Amino acid sequence: MFQHLITVSPLGLMYGSAGAFLSPENLVGRSGAKFPPDAATLSGLFFSTNHTTKQSIANHAELAQNLYVAGPFWAERNTPENFYVPIPRHRVISIEKQNDDEWFLDDKQCWQRNSDPKKKDIEPDCFWQSINSWSRNTRLIRTNKEAKKVPWEYVSFLHPKMKDDERHVMDRDGLFLENAVQMDEDYCLVYLSTHALPDGWHRFGGEGHMVEIASRRLAADSTVNNLLNTKIKRACALITPGVWGSNKLSYRYPKHPEFPRCGLKMLTDKAVPYRYRMGNRKTERGRQGQGGQLGRGRYAVPVGSVYVFKKPLEKTWWDFSEDWFPDAREKPGLPKKSLLKQVGCGLCLPIEIQGVM
């Protein structure tokens, strides 16, 4: 169970990482811009903080075995407990057109949209809703303004490239264009965790930008824990990307024989690139670097994807077998663990869909 809510407040601009995947944005200088940082970034911060500060979070073995984090989400700084999560894909909400719609399963168990001509051309332009509104119907979420657009925007600026051993800009190629993110100061990033981080300023993300971090204790009966402890019946939706394949093959659902894929129906979009850091990077002089080596790229099922099962699953995400996730680590004397599950991969919440009993 997640026991802590970690808020991350940028102290200025933050780096928006770029992936090496061709897209229309590449042609205008923003190559696969990605924000906010994945939960794996926060997981790495736990280990680095544990080594560099006098206040120990836990011993290394404890963190390696029992640390679970999930995200990213975001919230208003005054009400971080009511953070925003990706909207399930069956909900169609348009803020600009002040209208909404839903996908449902008809009598033949095929996905359909509302036949109302006024709703036929609605395209979603809002993809986040508050966690407190998760169980409400789509119309109420829109009319209550519990669905919002992200509170950040991408900006580009010239960044000085410093020499490794001097506080001077390099003579050649001393400036480079950086894609950064400017976040509304009234909002913060939110992650869920089983452990707390020391409050204060930390370096966070690929470029080590300064952020203010605060840990809040989550009540056992908090909204998110109540949802995560509610067993999934016939349908659920991802609120974090789901990686079910290996380095070479990507799948839309776990290939383990125990996973109930018979009669499975999905409502999803094209796969998204997914990376997480692993290992340590050393400098040319043999000293330990701040970052880690990037793991091999994978493709993930995007957030908001909907799964509909033929029979009630009767499991929570916590009950998902470690064997359903790739990268299971098994050491003598220790239970099997999946690194991807420990960084919140495939975190999902139960939903109700019209036509699914």
Protein backbone atom coordinates (compact mmCIF):
# COMPACT_ATOMS: atom_id res chain seq x y z
CA MET A 1 0.00 0.00 0.00
CA PHE A 2 1.24 3.49 -0.81
CA GLN A 3 1.80 5.32 2.46
CA HIS A 4 3.22 8.63 1.27
CA LEU A 5 2.41 11.32 -1.25
CA ILE A 6 5.54 13.02 -2.62
CA THR A 7 5.13 16.54 -4.05
CA VAL A 8 7.76 17.99 -6.37
CA SER A 9 7.69 21.76 -6.89
CA PRO A 10 10.10 23.06 -9.57
CA LEU A 11 12.22 26.05 -8.55
CA GLY A 12 12.24 27.49 -12.07
CA LEU A 13 12.44 25.73 -15.40
CA MET A 14 12.69 21.95 -15.67
CA TYR A 15 14.18 19.88 -18.43
CA GLY A 16 11.73 18.21 -20.82
CA SER A 17 13.50 15.07 -21.98
CA ALA A 18 13.52 14.20 -25.69
CA GLY A 19 13.32 10.76 -27.21
CA ALA A 20 14.89 9.57 -30.44
CA PHE A 21 11.59 8.76 -32.13
CA LEU A 22 10.54 10.43 -35.36
CA SER A 23 7.40 12.53 -35.06
CA PRO A 24 6.01 15.71 -36.59
CA GLU A 25 7.42 17.61 -33.60
CA ASN A 26 10.94 16.61 -34.63
CA LEU A 27 10.62 18.82 -37.68
CA VAL A 28 10.15 21.94 -35.57
CA GLY A 29 12.91 21.26 -33.07
CA ARG A 30 11.05 19.51 -30.24
CA SER A 31 12.02 15.89 -30.61
CA GLY A 32 9.77 13.63 -28.60
CA ALA A 33 9.49 16.09 -25.73
CA LYS A 34 8.47 14.24 -22.59
CA PHE A 35 7.29 15.59 -19.26
CA PRO A 36 6.87 15.03 -16.34
CA PRO A 37 9.66 12.61 -15.28
CA ASP A 38 8.66 8.99 -14.79
CA ALA A 39 8.42 7.33 -11.38
CA ALA A 40 11.79 5.66 -12.04
CA THR A 41 13.39 9.11 -11.68
CA LEU A 42 11.93 9.47 -8.20
CA SER A 43 13.02 5.93 -7.36
CA GLY A 44 16.60 6.82 -8.29
CA LEU A 45 16.39 9.91 -6.10
CA PHE A 46 15.56 7.70 -3.12
CA PHE A 47 18.75 5.69 -3.57
CA SER A 48 20.99 8.68 -4.28
CA THR A 49 19.57 10.61 -1.30
CA ASN A 50 20.08 7.58 0.91
CA HIS A 51 23.80 7.60 0.04
CA THR A 52 24.49 11.34 0.13
CA THR A 53 22.58 12.58 3.19
CA LYS A 54 23.15 11.99 6.87
CA GLN A 55 19.45 11.20 7.35
CA SER A 56 19.09 7.61 6.18
CA ILE A 57 15.75 6.68 4.63
CA ALA A 58 16.32 2.94 4.98
CA ASN A 59 19.12 0.48 4.30
CA HIS A 60 19.83 -0.37 0.68
CA ALA A 61 18.39 -3.88 0.88
CA GLU A 62 15.13 -2.57 2.33
CA LEU A 63 14.74 -0.02 -0.49
CA ALA A 64 15.69 -2.50 -3.19
CA GLN A 65 13.13 -5.00 -1.94
CA ASN A 66 10.23 -2.92 -0.66
CA LEU A 67 10.31 0.53 -2.32
CA TYR A 68 7.33 1.07 -4.64
CA VAL A 69 6.66 4.38 -6.37
CA ALA A 70 4.06 5.44 -8.94
CA GLY A 71 3.33 8.44 -11.09
CA PRO A 72 3.69 10.97 -12.49
CA PHE A 73 0.61 12.96 -11.50
CA TRP A 74 0.10 16.64 -10.67
CA ALA A 75 -2.01 18.78 -8.35
CA GLU A 76 -2.73 22.23 -7.04
CA ARG A 77 -0.17 22.98 -4.35
CA ASN A 78 -2.87 23.78 -1.78
CA THR A 79 -4.70 20.46 -2.29
CA PRO A 80 -2.12 17.82 -3.28
CA GLU A 81 -4.26 14.93 -2.00
CA ASN A 82 -6.78 15.63 -4.78
CA PHE A 83 -4.21 15.14 -7.52
CA TYR A 84 -4.93 14.69 -11.22
CA VAL A 85 -4.64 11.34 -13.01
CA PRO A 86 -5.08 10.41 -16.70
CA ILE A 87 -8.70 10.16 -17.84
CA PRO A 88 -9.81 6.66 -18.91
CA ARG A 89 -10.01 6.47 -22.68
CA HIS A 90 -13.73 5.62 -22.75
CA ARG A 91 -14.46 9.12 -21.47
CA VAL A 92 -14.46 11.88 -24.09
CA ILE A 93 -14.31 15.38 -22.59
CA SER A 94 -13.96 18.59 -24.58
CA ILE A 95 -13.45 21.78 -22.60
CA GLU A 96 -13.42 23.99 -25.69
CA LYS A 97 -16.77 22.66 -27.00
CA GLN A 98 -18.24 22.27 -23.51
CA ASN A 99 -19.44 18.79 -24.34
CA ASP A 100 -18.72 15.16 -23.50
CA ASP A 101 -19.37 11.63 -24.68
CA GLU A 102 -18.52 8.03 -23.80
CA TRP A 103 -17.53 4.81 -25.50
CA PHE A 104 -19.65 1.80 -24.57
CA LEU A 105 -20.08 -1.85 -25.53
CA ASP A 106 -23.18 -2.71 -27.53
CA ASP A 107 -25.12 -5.97 -27.55
CA LYS A 108 -22.49 -7.55 -29.82
CA GLN A 109 -19.75 -6.41 -27.43
CA CYS A 110 -18.35 -3.93 -29.95
CA TRP A 111 -17.14 -0.45 -29.02
CA GLN A 112 -19.58 2.32 -29.96
CA ARG A 113 -19.97 6.05 -29.45
CA ASN A 114 -23.18 7.95 -28.79
CA SER A 115 -25.36 8.26 -31.90
CA ASP A 116 -26.42 11.81 -31.01
CA PRO A 117 -25.39 14.02 -34.01
CA LYS A 118 -24.43 16.82 -31.62
CA LYS A 119 -21.77 14.57 -30.07
CA LYS A 120 -20.53 12.90 -33.22
CA ASP A 121 -17.69 15.33 -33.86
CA ILE A 122 -16.49 15.67 -30.26
CA GLU A 123 -12.77 15.09 -29.90
CA PRO A 124 -11.14 14.98 -26.46
CA ASP A 125 -8.97 17.98 -25.60
CA CYS A 126 -8.68 17.28 -21.88
CA PHE A 127 -6.87 14.21 -20.56
CA TRP A 128 -6.60 14.63 -16.77
CA GLN A 129 -9.19 14.40 -14.01
CA SER A 130 -9.01 14.71 -10.23
CA ILE A 131 -8.67 11.50 -8.27
CA ASN A 132 -11.70 12.43 -6.13
CA SER A 133 -13.87 12.42 -9.27
CA TRP A 134 -12.76 8.99 -10.48
CA SER A 135 -16.05 7.24 -9.74
CA ARG A 136 -18.30 10.02 -11.05
CA ASN A 137 -19.93 9.97 -14.48
CA THR A 138 -18.39 11.84 -17.40
CA ARG A 139 -21.01 14.61 -17.56
CA LEU A 140 -20.61 15.43 -13.87
CA ILE A 141 -16.80 15.49 -14.15
CA ARG A 142 -17.03 18.07 -16.94
CA THR A 143 -19.74 20.26 -15.42
CA ASN A 144 -17.96 20.26 -12.03
CA LYS A 145 -14.74 21.30 -13.81
CA GLU A 146 -12.92 18.33 -12.34
CA ALA A 147 -11.10 17.71 -15.63
CA LYS A 148 -8.27 20.06 -16.57
CA LYS A 149 -5.47 20.61 -19.04
CA VAL A 150 -1.87 20.35 -17.87
CA PRO A 151 -0.46 23.37 -15.99
CA TRP A 152 2.83 23.56 -17.87
CA GLU A 153 4.15 24.59 -21.27
CA TYR A 154 7.28 23.92 -23.28
CA VAL A 155 9.79 26.69 -23.85
CA SER A 156 13.17 26.78 -25.58
CA PHE A 157 16.19 28.80 -24.47
CA LEU A 158 19.94 28.99 -24.99
CA HIS A 159 21.82 27.12 -22.30
CA PRO A 160 25.56 27.59 -21.53
CA LYS A 161 27.71 24.48 -21.71
CA MET A 162 30.31 24.64 -18.94
CA LYS A 163 33.76 23.11 -18.88
CA ASP A 164 34.08 20.01 -16.74
CA ASP A 165 36.81 21.39 -14.48
CA GLU A 166 36.24 25.17 -14.67
CA ARG A 167 33.39 27.59 -14.14
CA HIS A 168 33.65 28.92 -17.68
CA VAL A 169 31.59 28.49 -20.79
CA MET A 170 33.32 26.33 -23.39
CA ASP A 171 35.10 28.27 -26.14
CA ARG A 172 33.58 26.16 -28.89
CA ASP A 173 29.95 25.09 -28.90
CA GLY A 174 29.51 27.04 -25.68
CA LEU A 175 25.75 27.39 -26.11
CA PHE A 176 23.10 24.88 -26.98
CA LEU A 177 19.32 25.01 -27.32
CA GLU A 178 17.51 23.29 -24.48
CA ASN A 179 13.89 22.23 -24.42
CA ALA A 180 12.58 23.12 -20.98
CA VAL A 181 9.25 23.13 -19.19
CA GLN A 182 7.74 26.07 -17.36
CA MET A 183 5.24 24.98 -14.75
CA ASP A 184 2.57 27.17 -13.17
CA GLU A 185 3.83 28.05 -9.70
CA ASP A 186 0.45 27.19 -8.16
CA TYR A 187 0.87 23.53 -9.17
CA CYS A 188 3.25 20.70 -8.32
CA LEU A 189 4.07 17.21 -9.51
CA VAL A 190 2.81 14.31 -7.40
CA TYR A 191 4.07 10.75 -6.92
CA LEU A 192 2.94 7.91 -4.68
CA SER A 193 5.45 6.01 -2.57
CA THR A 194 5.75 3.40 0.13
CA HIS A 195 8.57 5.41 1.76
CA ALA A 196 9.08 9.09 2.57
CA LEU A 197 11.80 11.37 1.21
CA PRO A 198 13.43 14.03 3.41
CA ASP A 199 11.75 17.39 2.86
CA GLY A 200 13.93 20.03 1.23
CA TRP A 201 15.68 20.95 -2.01
CA HIS A 202 16.84 18.16 -4.28
CA ARG A 203 18.26 17.79 -7.77
CA PHE A 204 15.66 16.06 -9.87
CA GLY A 205 15.46 14.85 -13.48
CA GLY A 206 18.00 14.28 -16.22
CA GLU A 207 19.51 17.77 -16.00
CA GLY A 208 19.53 17.91 -12.20
CA HIS A 209 17.25 20.94 -11.86
CA MET A 210 16.50 22.09 -8.34
CA VAL A 211 13.09 21.22 -6.93
CA GLU A 212 11.43 21.44 -3.53
CA ILE A 213 10.22 18.08 -2.27
CA ALA A 214 7.75 17.41 0.52
CA SER A 215 6.39 14.09 1.80
CA ARG A 216 2.88 13.75 3.18
CA ARG A 217 1.53 10.74 5.02
CA LEU A 218 -1.41 9.11 3.24
CA ALA A 219 -4.21 7.82 5.39
CA ALA A 220 -5.07 4.15 4.96
CA ASP A 221 -8.58 5.20 3.96
CA SER A 222 -7.46 7.92 1.52
CA THR A 223 -9.26 8.10 -1.82
CA VAL A 224 -6.38 6.66 -3.82
CA ASN A 225 -5.76 3.78 -1.40
CA ASN A 226 -9.48 2.98 -1.28
CA LEU A 227 -9.50 2.81 -5.09
CA LEU A 228 -6.31 0.74 -5.23
CA ASN A 229 -7.71 -1.66 -2.63
CA THR A 230 -10.98 -2.09 -4.53
CA LYS A 231 -10.90 -5.32 -6.50
CA ILE A 232 -11.25 -4.96 -10.27
CA LYS A 233 -14.42 -6.55 -11.59
CA ARG A 234 -14.90 -6.47 -15.35
CA ALA A 235 -13.01 -3.29 -16.34
CA CYS A 236 -10.04 -1.13 -15.36
CA ALA A 237 -8.00 1.75 -16.78
CA LEU A 238 -4.27 2.47 -16.66
CA ILE A 239 -3.11 5.62 -14.87
CA THR A 240 0.57 4.86 -15.58
CA PRO A 241 2.08 3.27 -18.74
CA GLY A 242 1.97 -0.52 -18.90
CA VAL A 243 5.06 -2.42 -20.07
CA TRP A 244 4.28 -6.08 -20.62
CA GLY A 245 6.89 -7.14 -23.17
CA SER A 246 10.65 -7.62 -23.23
CA ASN A 247 13.42 -5.46 -24.70
CA LYS A 248 12.71 -6.92 -28.12
CA LEU A 249 8.94 -7.51 -28.14
CA SER A 250 6.08 -5.34 -26.91
CA TYR A 251 2.67 -6.64 -25.91
CA ARG A 252 -0.60 -4.97 -25.06
CA TYR A 253 -1.22 -7.23 -22.07
CA PRO A 254 0.76 -9.74 -19.96
CA LYS A 255 1.56 -12.95 -21.82
CA HIS A 256 1.64 -15.03 -18.66
CA PRO A 257 -0.74 -18.05 -18.87
CA GLU A 258 -2.53 -16.95 -15.68
CA PHE A 259 -3.54 -13.61 -17.20
CA PRO A 260 -7.21 -13.84 -18.36
CA ARG A 261 -6.73 -12.79 -21.98
CA CYS A 262 -9.59 -14.95 -23.32
CA GLY A 263 -12.36 -12.58 -24.41
CA LEU A 264 -10.26 -9.54 -23.42
CA LYS A 265 -11.31 -6.23 -25.02
CA MET A 266 -9.24 -3.07 -25.05
CA LEU A 267 -9.71 0.60 -25.83
CA THR A 268 -6.26 2.06 -26.35
CA ASP A 269 -3.99 4.10 -28.60
CA LYS A 270 -0.63 3.51 -30.25
CA ALA A 271 2.24 2.45 -28.01
CA VAL A 272 4.47 5.11 -26.44
CA PRO A 273 8.27 5.03 -25.87
CA TYR A 274 9.27 4.06 -22.35
CA ARG A 275 12.71 4.20 -20.71
CA TYR A 276 13.96 4.01 -17.18
CA ARG A 277 17.42 4.51 -15.70
CA MET A 278 19.46 1.68 -14.31
CA GLY A 279 23.04 1.27 -13.12
CA ASN A 280 25.56 4.04 -12.43
CA ARG A 281 27.54 6.19 -14.81
CA LYS A 282 31.20 6.95 -14.14
CA THR A 283 33.09 10.01 -15.26
CA GLU A 284 36.30 9.92 -17.27
CA ARG A 285 38.32 10.15 -14.05
CA GLY A 286 36.58 7.11 -12.59
CA ARG A 287 34.41 9.05 -10.18
CA GLN A 288 30.77 8.22 -9.68
CA GLY A 289 28.49 10.30 -11.89
CA GLN A 290 25.18 11.81 -10.85
CA GLY A 291 23.06 9.98 -13.42
CA GLY A 292 22.57 6.38 -14.37
CA GLN A 293 22.83 4.52 -17.62
CA LEU A 294 19.69 4.55 -19.72
CA GLY A 295 18.09 1.14 -20.06
CA ARG A 296 17.12 -0.11 -23.48
CA GLY A 297 14.04 1.57 -24.89
CA ARG A 298 10.72 -0.24 -24.77
CA TYR A 299 7.21 0.48 -25.87
CA ALA A 300 4.41 0.81 -23.34
CA VAL A 301 0.63 0.72 -23.43
CA PRO A 302 -0.33 4.40 -22.96
CA VAL A 303 -2.11 5.82 -19.92
CA GLY A 304 -5.88 5.87 -20.05
CA SER A 305 -6.05 2.50 -21.85
CA VAL A 306 -9.11 0.49 -20.89
CA TYR A 307 -9.18 -3.29 -20.30
CA VAL A 308 -12.48 -5.20 -20.24
CA PHE A 309 -12.39 -8.83 -19.02
CA LYS A 310 -14.77 -11.61 -19.87
CA LYS A 311 -15.13 -12.54 -16.20
CA PRO A 312 -14.53 -10.48 -13.05
CA LEU A 313 -10.81 -10.27 -12.36
CA GLU A 314 -11.25 -10.06 -8.57
CA LYS A 315 -7.76 -8.65 -8.09
CA THR A 316 -6.24 -5.29 -7.24
CA TRP A 317 -3.05 -4.01 -8.87
CA TRP A 318 -1.20 -5.04 -5.71
CA ASP A 319 -2.40 -8.61 -6.30
CA PHE A 320 -1.00 -8.80 -9.83
CA SER A 321 1.58 -11.58 -9.97
CA GLU A 322 5.22 -10.56 -10.28
CA ASP A 323 5.34 -13.00 -13.20
CA TRP A 324 3.01 -10.72 -15.19
CA PHE A 325 5.74 -8.06 -15.28
CA PRO A 326 9.04 -8.34 -17.17
CA ASP A 327 12.45 -8.05 -15.47
CA ALA A 328 11.60 -10.28 -12.52
CA ARG A 329 14.63 -10.49 -10.23
CA GLU A 330 15.05 -13.62 -8.17
CA LYS A 331 17.83 -13.95 -5.61
CA PRO A 332 18.45 -16.82 -3.19
CA GLY A 333 16.44 -16.32 -0.03
CA LEU A 334 14.45 -13.38 -1.43
CA PRO A 335 11.02 -13.38 -3.09
CA LYS A 336 10.81 -12.68 -6.82
CA LYS A 337 10.56 -8.97 -7.64
CA SER A 338 9.91 -6.99 -10.81
CA LEU A 339 11.72 -3.69 -11.16
CA LEU A 340 8.95 -2.43 -13.43
CA LYS A 341 6.23 -3.17 -10.90
CA GLN A 342 8.27 -1.38 -8.25
CA VAL A 343 8.18 1.79 -10.36
CA GLY A 344 4.39 1.59 -10.69
CA CYS A 345 4.22 0.06 -14.16
CA GLY A 346 0.65 -0.63 -15.30
CA LEU A 347 -0.97 0.91 -12.22
CA CYS A 348 -4.70 0.66 -12.83
CA LEU A 349 -7.99 1.51 -11.14
CA PRO A 350 -11.44 -0.12 -11.51
CA ILE A 351 -13.98 1.59 -13.78
CA GLU A 352 -17.57 1.06 -14.90
CA ILE A 353 -18.51 1.02 -18.58
CA GLN A 354 -21.97 0.99 -20.12
CA GLY A 355 -22.74 -2.45 -21.53
CA VAL A 356 -20.41 -4.25 -19.11
CA MET A 357 -22.25 -6.05 -16.36
